[in-house]
């Protein structure tokens, strides 16, 4: 009997008003329990879900690594290393941002490491723009592409840092990250301002990038101040909790002392 025939028979029996007897229900439950005993679930609850997620993540990581290694091998052993010094518009620049940096991103196994790598990638984009500007190779189109890449990495770093802050003890980690990121952005902002002030051919193309870097630096400063305030609030709450425990301990000791004194007096 196939699946469709069985469903049709069940539907017909239901329409005719047939119902299972208590004995038939009991026997069916017994068969189900016996099947479950012979075929147990491998893992249950969150453990099984975690294993599945780890397995999927591992497969994705292996796939990305295989693609990156395949490209690197096709281009040659030293190509990946040579690409690190390339700039936007160079032949090897796609290898730098599409292979080298993606491999490093895949090796960031914590949220903090991931945020710091995205912040470093944002800094790398600014460094490339500064070098292009000093070589008078930063036209309006190239500057717009540099802005887009920088903003994408900066926003991604901000998103990950905010998620780290939400975890227990994450405020201190986020505060340190934001302080470092702010310092990096302020340094690039000053470097770009000096380039723009020289009035060279690339100077006008730098102005929009300076404004964007300043805005992201202000955002990092605001996030740092908020994280530091959270750290102080958490420290204050912990101190108050400790003092409360000490006060309760002192009160308990005093009460026990009075009770002993009363017993001695009665004796």
C-alpha atoms as a PDB file:
ATOM      1  CA  UNK A   1       0.000   0.000   0.000  1.00  0.00           C
ATOM      2  CA  UNK A   2       1.492   3.343  -1.028  1.00  0.00           C
ATOM      3  CA  UNK A   3       1.300   6.603   0.864  1.00  0.00           C
ATOM      4  CA  UNK A   4      -1.630   8.043  -1.138  1.00  0.00           C
ATOM      5  CA  UNK A   5      -3.765   4.883  -0.759  1.00  0.00           C
ATOM      6  CA  UNK A   6      -3.190   4.955   2.991  1.00  0.00           C
ATOM      7  CA  UNK A   7      -4.234   8.602   3.240  1.00  0.00           C
ATOM      8  CA  UNK A   8      -7.375   7.913   1.202  1.00  0.00           C
ATOM      9  CA  UNK A   9      -8.348   5.037   3.488  1.00  0.00           C
ATOM     10  CA  UNK A  10      -7.791   7.163   6.573  1.00  0.00           C
ATOM     11  CA  UNK A  11      -9.925   9.953   5.102  1.00  0.00           C
ATOM     12  CA  UNK A  12     -12.718   7.515   4.163  1.00  0.00           C
ATOM     13  CA  UNK A  13     -12.659   5.933   7.602  1.00  0.00           C
ATOM     14  CA  UNK A  14     -12.888   9.344   9.238  1.00  0.00           C
ATOM     15  CA  UNK A  15     -15.848  10.333   7.104  1.00  0.00           C
ATOM     16  CA  UNK A  16     -17.617   7.060   7.992  1.00  0.00           C
ATOM     17  CA  UNK A  17     -17.260   7.905  11.644  1.00  0.00           C
ATOM     18  CA  UNK A  18     -14.727   5.175  12.487  1.00  0.00           C
ATOM     19  CA  UNK A  19     -12.700   5.733  15.642  1.00  0.00           C
ATOM     20  CA  UNK A  20      -9.872   3.775  17.224  1.00  0.00           C
ATOM     21  CA  UNK A  21     -10.797   1.760  20.278  1.00  0.00           C
ATOM     22  CA  UNK A  22      -8.898   2.228  23.532  1.00  0.00           C
ATOM     23  CA  UNK A  23      -7.133  -1.107  22.942  1.00  0.00           C
ATOM     24  CA  UNK A  24      -6.037  -0.049  19.452  1.00  0.00           C
ATOM     25  CA  UNK A  25      -4.764   3.288  20.800  1.00  0.00           C
ATOM     26  CA  UNK A  26      -2.832   1.505  23.544  1.00  0.00           C
ATOM     27  CA  UNK A  27      -1.247  -0.884  21.059  1.00  0.00           C
ATOM     28  CA  UNK A  28      -0.309   2.018  18.729  1.00  0.00           C
ATOM     29  CA  UNK A  29       1.370   3.898  21.578  1.00  0.00           C
ATOM     30  CA  UNK A  30       3.285   0.749  22.454  1.00  0.00           C
ATOM     31  CA  UNK A  31       4.556   0.400  18.876  1.00  0.00           C
ATOM     32  CA  UNK A  32       5.655   4.055  18.813  1.00  0.00           C
ATOM     33  CA  UNK A  33       7.537   3.737  22.116  1.00  0.00           C
ATOM     34  CA  UNK A  34       9.241   0.566  20.896  1.00  0.00           C
ATOM     35  CA  UNK A  35      10.337   2.290  17.679  1.00  0.00           C
ATOM     36  CA  UNK A  36      11.698   5.250  19.625  1.00  0.00           C
ATOM     37  CA  UNK A  37      13.647   2.949  21.920  1.00  0.00           C
ATOM     38  CA  UNK A  38      15.290   1.192  18.963  1.00  0.00           C
ATOM     39  CA  UNK A  39      15.894   4.436  17.002  1.00  0.00           C
ATOM     40  CA  UNK A  40      16.851   7.111  19.585  1.00  0.00           C
ATOM     41  CA  UNK A  41      17.549  10.710  18.612  1.00  0.00           C
ATOM     42  CA  UNK A  42      21.308  11.234  18.274  1.00  0.00           C
ATOM     43  CA  UNK A  43      21.387  14.505  20.227  1.00  0.00           C
ATOM     44  CA  UNK A  44      18.638  16.582  21.759  1.00  0.00           C
ATOM     45  CA  UNK A  45      17.900  20.198  22.437  1.00  0.00           C
ATOM     46  CA  UNK A  46      20.520  22.949  22.112  1.00  0.00           C
ATOM     47  CA  UNK A  47      23.378  20.440  21.810  1.00  0.00           C
ATOM     48  CA  UNK A  48      22.094  19.074  18.527  1.00  0.00           C
ATOM     49  CA  UNK A  49      21.448  22.589  17.181  1.00  0.00           C
ATOM     50  CA  UNK A  50      24.957  23.669  18.157  1.00  0.00           C
ATOM     51  CA  UNK A  51      26.516  20.669  16.422  1.00  0.00           C
ATOM     52  CA  UNK A  52      24.536  21.385  13.265  1.00  0.00           C
ATOM     53  CA  UNK A  53      25.573  25.042  13.263  1.00  0.00           C
ATOM     54  CA  UNK A  54      29.225  24.187  13.836  1.00  0.00           C
ATOM     55  CA  UNK A  55      29.090  21.666  11.023  1.00  0.00           C
ATOM     56  CA  UNK A  56      27.576  24.204   8.598  1.00  0.00           C
ATOM     57  CA  UNK A  57      30.071  26.889   9.635  1.00  0.00           C
ATOM     58  CA  UNK A  58      32.936  24.462   9.135  1.00  0.00           C
ATOM     59  CA  UNK A  59      31.734  23.575   5.647  1.00  0.00           C
ATOM     60  CA  UNK A  60      31.391  27.244   4.658  1.00  0.00           C
ATOM     61  CA  UNK A  61      34.859  28.018   6.044  1.00  0.00           C
ATOM     62  CA  UNK A  62      36.431  25.091   4.166  1.00  0.00           C
ATOM     63  CA  UNK A  63      34.696  26.152   0.939  1.00  0.00           C
ATOM     64  CA  UNK A  64      35.913  29.768   1.215  1.00  0.00           C
ATOM     65  CA  UNK A  65      39.429  28.684   2.061  1.00  0.00           C
ATOM     66  CA  UNK A  66      39.472  26.279  -0.894  1.00  0.00           C
ATOM     67  CA  UNK A  67      38.377  29.012  -3.312  1.00  0.00           C
ATOM     68  CA  UNK A  68      40.955  31.460  -1.965  1.00  0.00           C
ATOM     69  CA  UNK A  69      43.759  28.889  -2.135  1.00  0.00           C
ATOM     70  CA  UNK A  70      42.733  27.881  -5.656  1.00  0.00           C
ATOM     71  CA  UNK A  71      42.945  31.495  -6.849  1.00  0.00           C
ATOM     72  CA  UNK A  72      46.290  32.000  -5.135  1.00  0.00           C
ATOM     73  CA  UNK A  73      47.716  28.818  -6.706  1.00  0.00           C
ATOM     74  CA  UNK A  74      46.467  29.776 -10.153  1.00  0.00           C
ATOM     75  CA  UNK A  75      48.099  33.186  -9.895  1.00  0.00           C
ATOM     76  CA  UNK A  76      51.382  31.874  -8.522  1.00  0.00           C
ATOM     77  CA  UNK A  77      53.033  31.380  -5.156  1.00  0.00           C
ATOM     78  CA  UNK A  78      54.390  34.919  -4.736  1.00  0.00           C
ATOM     79  CA  UNK A  79      51.379  36.734  -6.130  1.00  0.00           C
ATOM     80  CA  UNK A  80      49.485  36.826  -2.838  1.00  0.00           C
ATOM     81  CA  UNK A  81      52.493  38.356  -1.077  1.00  0.00           C
ATOM     82  CA  UNK A  82      53.110  40.876  -3.868  1.00  0.00           C
ATOM     83  CA  UNK A  83      49.461  41.913  -3.818  1.00  0.00           C
ATOM     84  CA  UNK A  84      49.811  43.294  -0.281  1.00  0.00           C
ATOM     85  CA  UNK A  85      51.605  46.360  -1.635  1.00  0.00           C
ATOM     86  CA  UNK A  86      49.090  47.019  -4.409  1.00  0.00           C
ATOM     87  CA  UNK A  87      46.786  50.058  -4.597  1.00  0.00           C
ATOM     88  CA  UNK A  88      43.340  50.591  -6.142  1.00  0.00           C
ATOM     89  CA  UNK A  89      43.738  50.436  -9.920  1.00  0.00           C
ATOM     90  CA  UNK A  90      46.709  48.032  -9.765  1.00  0.00           C
ATOM     91  CA  UNK A  91      46.460  44.602 -11.362  1.00  0.00           C
ATOM     92  CA  UNK A  92      46.887  42.711  -8.080  1.00  0.00           C
ATOM     93  CA  UNK A  93      44.562  44.870  -5.976  1.00  0.00           C
ATOM     94  CA  UNK A  94      41.580  42.481  -6.385  1.00  0.00           C
ATOM     95  CA  UNK A  95      43.789  39.701  -4.980  1.00  0.00           C
ATOM     96  CA  UNK A  96      44.639  41.864  -1.992  1.00  0.00           C
ATOM     97  CA  UNK A  97      41.063  42.658  -0.984  1.00  0.00           C
ATOM     98  CA  UNK A  98      39.301  39.591  -2.394  1.00  0.00           C
ATOM     99  CA  UNK A  99      41.726  36.828  -1.410  1.00  0.00           C
ATOM    100  CA  UNK A 100      44.301  37.897   1.168  1.00  0.00           C
ATOM    101  CA  UNK A 101      41.951  39.930   3.344  1.00  0.00           C
ATOM    102  CA  UNK A 102      39.097  37.449   3.083  1.00  0.00           C
ATOM    103  CA  UNK A 103      41.366  34.630   4.246  1.00  0.00           C
ATOM    104  CA  UNK A 104      42.403  36.712   7.257  1.00  0.00           C
ATOM    105  CA  UNK A 105      38.765  37.524   7.960  1.00  0.00           C
ATOM    106  CA  UNK A 106      37.934  33.802   7.968  1.00  0.00           C
ATOM    107  CA  UNK A 107      40.665  33.244  10.572  1.00  0.00           C
ATOM    108  CA  UNK A 108      39.101  35.704  13.066  1.00  0.00           C
ATOM    109  CA  UNK A 109      37.502  33.207  15.441  1.00  0.00           C
ATOM    110  CA  UNK A 110      36.064  35.682  17.955  1.00  0.00           C
ATOM    111  CA  UNK A 111      33.803  38.712  17.720  1.00  0.00           C
ATOM    112  CA  UNK A 112      36.504  40.994  19.122  1.00  0.00           C
ATOM    113  CA  UNK A 113      39.068  39.725  16.599  1.00  0.00           C
ATOM    114  CA  UNK A 114      36.520  40.146  13.823  1.00  0.00           C
ATOM    115  CA  UNK A 115      35.791  43.747  14.861  1.00  0.00           C
ATOM    116  CA  UNK A 116      39.489  44.608  15.072  1.00  0.00           C
ATOM    117  CA  UNK A 117      40.189  43.135  11.647  1.00  0.00           C
ATOM    118  CA  UNK A 118      37.339  45.131  10.090  1.00  0.00           C
ATOM    119  CA  UNK A 119      38.734  48.261  11.764  1.00  0.00           C
ATOM    120  CA  UNK A 120      42.167  47.446  10.352  1.00  0.00           C
ATOM    121  CA  UNK A 121      40.677  46.985   6.890  1.00  0.00           C
ATOM    122  CA  UNK A 122      39.064  50.422   7.201  1.00  0.00           C
ATOM    123  CA  UNK A 123      42.472  51.836   8.147  1.00  0.00           C
ATOM    124  CA  UNK A 124      44.075  50.070   5.174  1.00  0.00           C
ATOM    125  CA  UNK A 125      41.604  51.718   2.798  1.00  0.00           C
ATOM    126  CA  UNK A 126      42.484  55.137   4.205  1.00  0.00           C
ATOM    127  CA  UNK A 127      46.199  54.412   3.937  1.00  0.00           C
ATOM    128  CA  UNK A 128      45.733  53.456   0.293  1.00  0.00           C
ATOM    129  CA  UNK A 129      43.845  56.699  -0.376  1.00  0.00           C
ATOM    130  CA  UNK A 130      46.617  58.723   1.280  1.00  0.00           C
ATOM    131  CA  UNK A 131      49.275  57.020  -0.827  1.00  0.00           C
ATOM    132  CA  UNK A 132      47.284  57.549  -4.025  1.00  0.00           C
ATOM    133  CA  UNK A 133      46.783  61.206  -3.144  1.00  0.00           C
ATOM    134  CA  UNK A 134      50.508  61.743  -2.548  1.00  0.00           C
ATOM    135  CA  UNK A 135      51.149  60.192  -5.980  1.00  0.00           C
ATOM    136  CA  UNK A 136      48.445  62.394  -7.570  1.00  0.00           C
ATOM    137  CA  UNK A 137      46.478  59.270  -8.518  1.00  0.00           C
ATOM    138  CA  UNK A 138      43.392  59.927  -6.368  1.00  0.00           C
ATOM    139  CA  UNK A 139      40.760  61.259  -8.740  1.00  0.00           C
ATOM    140  CA  UNK A 140      37.094  61.777  -7.818  1.00  0.00           C
ATOM    141  CA  UNK A 141      36.043  58.293  -8.963  1.00  0.00           C
ATOM    142  CA  UNK A 142      38.853  56.519  -7.098  1.00  0.00           C
ATOM    143  CA  UNK A 143      38.154  58.592  -3.978  1.00  0.00           C
ATOM    144  CA  UNK A 144      34.456  57.654  -4.117  1.00  0.00           C
ATOM    145  CA  UNK A 145      35.373  53.959  -4.322  1.00  0.00           C
ATOM    146  CA  UNK A 146      37.771  54.366  -1.377  1.00  0.00           C
ATOM    147  CA  UNK A 147      35.003  56.084   0.638  1.00  0.00           C
ATOM    148  CA  UNK A 148      32.576  53.239  -0.044  1.00  0.00           C
ATOM    149  CA  UNK A 149      35.066  50.545   0.960  1.00  0.00           C
ATOM    150  CA  UNK A 150      36.169  52.429   4.073  1.00  0.00           C
ATOM    151  CA  UNK A 151      32.607  53.094   5.217  1.00  0.00           C
ATOM    152  CA  UNK A 152      31.586  49.458   4.715  1.00  0.00           C
ATOM    153  CA  UNK A 153      34.441  48.207   6.905  1.00  0.00           C
ATOM    154  CA  UNK A 154      33.943  50.932   9.534  1.00  0.00           C
ATOM    155  CA  UNK A 155      30.224  50.201   9.789  1.00  0.00           C
ATOM    156  CA  UNK A 156      30.869  46.469  10.043  1.00  0.00           C
ATOM    157  CA  UNK A 157      33.412  47.047  12.827  1.00  0.00           C
ATOM    158  CA  UNK A 158      30.909  49.273  14.660  1.00  0.00           C
ATOM    159  CA  UNK A 159      28.174  46.639  14.348  1.00  0.00           C
ATOM    160  CA  UNK A 160      30.365  43.851  15.736  1.00  0.00           C
ATOM    161  CA  UNK A 161      31.691  46.031  18.573  1.00  0.00           C
ATOM    162  CA  UNK A 162      28.135  46.902  19.588  1.00  0.00           C
ATOM    163  CA  UNK A 163      27.273  43.197  19.730  1.00  0.00           C
ATOM    164  CA  UNK A 164      30.342  42.543  21.910  1.00  0.00           C
ATOM    165  CA  UNK A 165      29.257  45.325  24.269  1.00  0.00           C
ATOM    166  CA  UNK A 166      25.916  43.594  24.874  1.00  0.00           C
ATOM    167  CA  UNK A 167      27.614  40.512  26.328  1.00  0.00           C
ATOM    168  CA  UNK A 168      28.555  40.139  29.973  1.00  0.00           C
ATOM    169  CA  UNK A 169      31.784  42.025  30.623  1.00  0.00           C
ATOM    170  CA  UNK A 170      31.737  43.323  27.057  1.00  0.00           C
ATOM    171  CA  UNK A 171      31.675  47.012  27.959  1.00  0.00           C
ATOM    172  CA  UNK A 172      35.367  47.034  28.874  1.00  0.00           C
ATOM    173  CA  UNK A 173      36.285  45.205  25.655  1.00  0.00           C
ATOM    174  CA  UNK A 174      34.178  47.593  23.570  1.00  0.00           C
ATOM    175  CA  UNK A 175      35.668  50.639  25.329  1.00  0.00           C
ATOM    176  CA  UNK A 176      39.219  49.489  24.508  1.00  0.00           C
ATOM    177  CA  UNK A 177      38.286  48.759  20.905  1.00  0.00           C
ATOM    178  CA  UNK A 178      36.558  52.128  20.446  1.00  0.00           C
ATOM    179  CA  UNK A 179      39.516  53.989  21.953  1.00  0.00           C
ATOM    180  CA  UNK A 180      41.938  52.288  19.553  1.00  0.00           C
ATOM    181  CA  UNK A 181      39.629  52.785  16.563  1.00  0.00           C
ATOM    182  CA  UNK A 182      39.094  56.449  17.427  1.00  0.00           C
ATOM    183  CA  UNK A 183      42.852  57.048  17.684  1.00  0.00           C
ATOM    184  CA  UNK A 184      43.419  55.385  14.306  1.00  0.00           C
ATOM    185  CA  UNK A 185      40.721  57.471  12.616  1.00  0.00           C
ATOM    186  CA  UNK A 186      41.968  60.727  14.142  1.00  0.00           C
ATOM    187  CA  UNK A 187      45.448  59.987  12.811  1.00  0.00           C
ATOM    188  CA  UNK A 188      44.155  59.371   9.296  1.00  0.00           C
ATOM    189  CA  UNK A 189      41.982  62.475   9.507  1.00  0.00           C
ATOM    190  CA  UNK A 190      45.012  64.661  10.230  1.00  0.00           C
ATOM    191  CA  UNK A 191      47.058  62.990   7.486  1.00  0.00           C
ATOM    192  CA  UNK A 192      44.308  63.553   4.919  1.00  0.00           C
ATOM    193  CA  UNK A 193      43.868  67.175   6.038  1.00  0.00           C
ATOM    194  CA  UNK A 194      47.584  67.817   5.449  1.00  0.00           C
ATOM    195  CA  UNK A 195      47.307  66.297   1.980  1.00  0.00           C
ATOM    196  CA  UNK A 196      44.259  68.398   1.139  1.00  0.00           C
ATOM    197  CA  UNK A 197      45.975  71.558   2.429  1.00  0.00           C
ATOM    198  CA  UNK A 198      48.823  71.149  -0.046  1.00  0.00           C
ATOM    199  CA  UNK A 199      46.453  72.018  -2.882  1.00  0.00           C
ATOM    200  CA  UNK A 200      47.720  69.277  -5.136  1.00  0.00           C
ATOM    201  CA  UNK A 201      45.651  67.690  -7.898  1.00  0.00           C
ATOM    202  CA  UNK A 202      44.302  65.068  -5.490  1.00  0.00           C
ATOM    203  CA  UNK A 203      43.539  67.598  -2.772  1.00  0.00           C
ATOM    204  CA  UNK A 204      39.973  68.325  -3.804  1.00  0.00           C
ATOM    205  CA  UNK A 205      39.144  64.608  -4.005  1.00  0.00           C
ATOM    206  CA  UNK A 206      40.293  64.159  -0.386  1.00  0.00           C
ATOM    207  CA  UNK A 207      37.874  66.652   1.193  1.00  0.00           C
ATOM    208  CA  UNK A 208      34.820  64.358   1.167  1.00  0.00           C
ATOM    209  CA  UNK A 209      36.918  61.544   2.569  1.00  0.00           C
ATOM    210  CA  UNK A 210      38.135  63.816   5.384  1.00  0.00           C
ATOM    211  CA  UNK A 211      34.547  64.634   6.347  1.00  0.00           C
ATOM    212  CA  UNK A 212      33.577  60.947   6.341  1.00  0.00           C
ATOM    213  CA  UNK A 213      36.574  59.953   8.474  1.00  0.00           C
ATOM    214  CA  UNK A 214      35.803  62.746  10.941  1.00  0.00           C
ATOM    215  CA  UNK A 215      32.204  61.546  11.235  1.00  0.00           C
ATOM    216  CA  UNK A 216      33.277  57.960  11.899  1.00  0.00           C
ATOM    217  CA  UNK A 217      35.832  59.194  14.422  1.00  0.00           C
ATOM    218  CA  UNK A 218      33.143  61.141  16.244  1.00  0.00           C
ATOM    219  CA  UNK A 219      30.952  58.027  16.250  1.00  0.00           C
ATOM    220  CA  UNK A 220      33.791  55.967  17.738  1.00  0.00           C
ATOM    221  CA  UNK A 221      34.378  58.648  20.392  1.00  0.00           C
ATOM    222  CA  UNK A 222      30.700  58.640  21.331  1.00  0.00           C
ATOM    223  CA  UNK A 223      30.646  54.845  21.535  1.00  0.00           C
ATOM    224  CA  UNK A 224      33.832  54.894  23.652  1.00  0.00           C
ATOM    225  CA  UNK A 225      32.307  57.381  26.091  1.00  0.00           C
ATOM    226  CA  UNK A 226      29.168  55.258  26.391  1.00  0.00           C
ATOM    227  CA  UNK A 227      31.152  52.066  26.947  1.00  0.00           C
ATOM    228  CA  UNK A 228      33.351  53.739  29.577  1.00  0.00           C
ATOM    229  CA  UNK A 229      30.232  55.007  31.362  1.00  0.00           C
ATOM    230  CA  UNK A 230      28.864  51.461  31.360  1.00  0.00           C
ATOM    231  CA  UNK A 231      32.150  50.176  32.800  1.00  0.00           C
ATOM    232  CA  UNK A 232      31.974  52.719  35.624  1.00  0.00           C
ATOM    233  CA  UNK A 233      28.331  51.864  36.296  1.00  0.00           C
ATOM    234  CA  UNK A 234      29.105  48.149  36.395  1.00  0.00           C
ATOM    235  CA  UNK A 235      32.038  48.724  38.753  1.00  0.00           C
ATOM    236  CA  UNK A 236      29.849  50.869  41.016  1.00  0.00           C
ATOM    237  CA  UNK A 237      27.118  48.223  41.073  1.00  0.00           C
ATOM    238  CA  UNK A 238      29.640  45.512  41.935  1.00  0.00           C
ATOM    239  CA  UNK A 239      31.092  47.644  44.728  1.00  0.00           C
ATOM    240  CA  UNK A 240      27.637  48.344  46.151  1.00  0.00           C
ATOM    241  CA  UNK A 241      26.791  44.665  46.005  1.00  0.00           C
ATOM    242  CA  UNK A 242      30.011  43.793  47.865  1.00  0.00           C
ATOM    243  CA  UNK A 243      29.327  46.452  50.496  1.00  0.00           C
ATOM    244  CA  UNK A 244      25.781  45.157  50.905  1.00  0.00           C
ATOM    245  CA  UNK A 245      27.112  41.655  51.499  1.00  0.00           C
ATOM    246  CA  UNK A 246      29.618  42.992  54.015  1.00  0.00           C
ATOM    247  CA  UNK A 247      26.903  44.959  55.836  1.00  0.00           C
ATOM    248  CA  UNK A 248      24.701  41.886  56.010  1.00  0.00           C
ATOM    249  CA  UNK A 249      27.631  39.854  57.305  1.00  0.00           C
ATOM    250  CA  UNK A 250      28.355  42.496  59.976  1.00  0.00           C
ATOM    251  CA  UNK A 251      24.689  42.631  60.980  1.00  0.00           C
ATOM    252  CA  UNK A 252      24.539  38.861  61.228  1.00  0.00           C
ATOM    253  CA  UNK A 253      27.714  38.770  63.337  1.00  0.00           C
ATOM    254  CA  UNK A 254      26.362  41.493  65.661  1.00  0.00           C
ATOM    255  CA  UNK A 255      23.064  39.641  66.079  1.00  0.00           C
ATOM    256  CA  UNK A 256      24.862  36.397  66.844  1.00  0.00           C
ATOM    257  CA  UNK A 257      27.051  38.231  69.389  1.00  0.00           C
ATOM    258  CA  UNK A 258      24.002  39.647  71.153  1.00  0.00           C
ATOM    259  CA  UNK A 259      22.383  36.233  71.223  1.00  0.00           C
ATOM    260  CA  UNK A 260      25.479  34.690  72.809  1.00  0.00           C
ATOM    261  CA  UNK A 261      25.633  37.495  75.393  1.00  0.00           C
ATOM    262  CA  UNK A 262      21.943  36.984  76.238  1.00  0.00           C
ATOM    263  CA  UNK A 263      22.445  33.257  76.673  1.00  0.00           C
ATOM    264  CA  UNK A 264      25.411  33.838  78.906  1.00  0.00           C
ATOM    265  CA  UNK A 265      23.433  36.296  81.009  1.00  0.00           C
ATOM    266  CA  UNK A 266      20.540  33.844  81.356  1.00  0.00           C
ATOM    267  CA  UNK A 267      22.946  31.104  82.341  1.00  0.00           C
END
